[in-house]
Amino acid sequence: MQINKQQESILNEFQCQRVRSTDSACLLSISGPIIDGTNRSLLIDHFRSDKHIADDKAGVLASYVISNKNNDVLLFFSIRCGELFEKIDHQKMILSHNALVGVNTLKNSAKVSKDEHDIALQAIKNALNAGLSYEDFRYYAEKKRTYIGDVSKEPSKEISRVSVVYSGVELKFFGINDNAKDFWGSLNLPRKMGETLFWYFIVPILEELREIVGCQYLYLFAADREADGHLVNYYRTALHINAPAKLSSNKPFFDYNSVFLYQDIDYLSKQRLQFLSTFNPDIEDSEIV
């Protein structure tokens, strides 16, 4: 059952504002742990540090707090522009190049020797066995040609060469205020605080962002220190931020021990509508519980 007017009224009383416009005393009230069993005090210390607040004021990143009408912080987070990419697959480029040469060789089979014919046929089989299609042959072969050409023009190792680049926004320092759990419980809302505020406030910010600048993906680095991957599972199931193998990102030192996750913002927008339409459990389900 979808979210009702009374529940919307409760959520609409909350305010989502930049840290630079927030009373510093509100930040001091934030307490961990954010995720059960994991101490997140270090994350909170970074979020409310002088440097982090200065970065928000300078526009290096945008930090937000979501608070109630008493200015009690419920959730905090930061976002900043970033970039995702597909890594270059040198093996695919080589196989495609050889296969494309093989295809061209077979087109002139009347003029080639048996050995050349067999080599060409084997090159095509090798590419097909690797999961490449005939359409891929030209695509990856062209990637190989342009890659070699670019390296010859600009061989600097300071440039990271990738296959395809995608626009993204990074979600950082995302967490709830442990001190606000009792308040949230008093509201008698059927969903947990973190997921509710994510779908109700954060995803709309991403949608507004896309009205200004192109942005395809939301991504984050989950600092999961629990053996059962509790935090990563939370992001995947409650927030639908998964980790397909296709894309990669540059991982900074601060996030070395974290798990990279991402999701298409279009998909998150659709999931937001789904979340709101099923905000309340069906009567039959609640009776069973």
Foldseek 3Di string as FASTA:
>chain_A
DFDDPVNVVQQVQKDKDWPLPADLVLLVLFADDQDPPDHCVVLSCVCSPPVNSVCCVVVVKTKIFIAHPVSHTFKIKIKDKFKKAFAQDVVLLVLLQLQVVLVVCVVVVVPDDPVSNVSNVVSVVVNVVVVDDNVSSVVSPVVVVVVVVVCVVPVDPVDRDGDGMAIAMEMGSIGTGPVCQVVVVVVVFPDDRRLVCCLPPVLVVVVVVCVPPPHWKYKYWAQDPDPVSVRLVCCCPSQVFAADPGMDGDDDPVRPNTHITMDTSVVSNVVSVVCRGCRDPDPVVVVVD
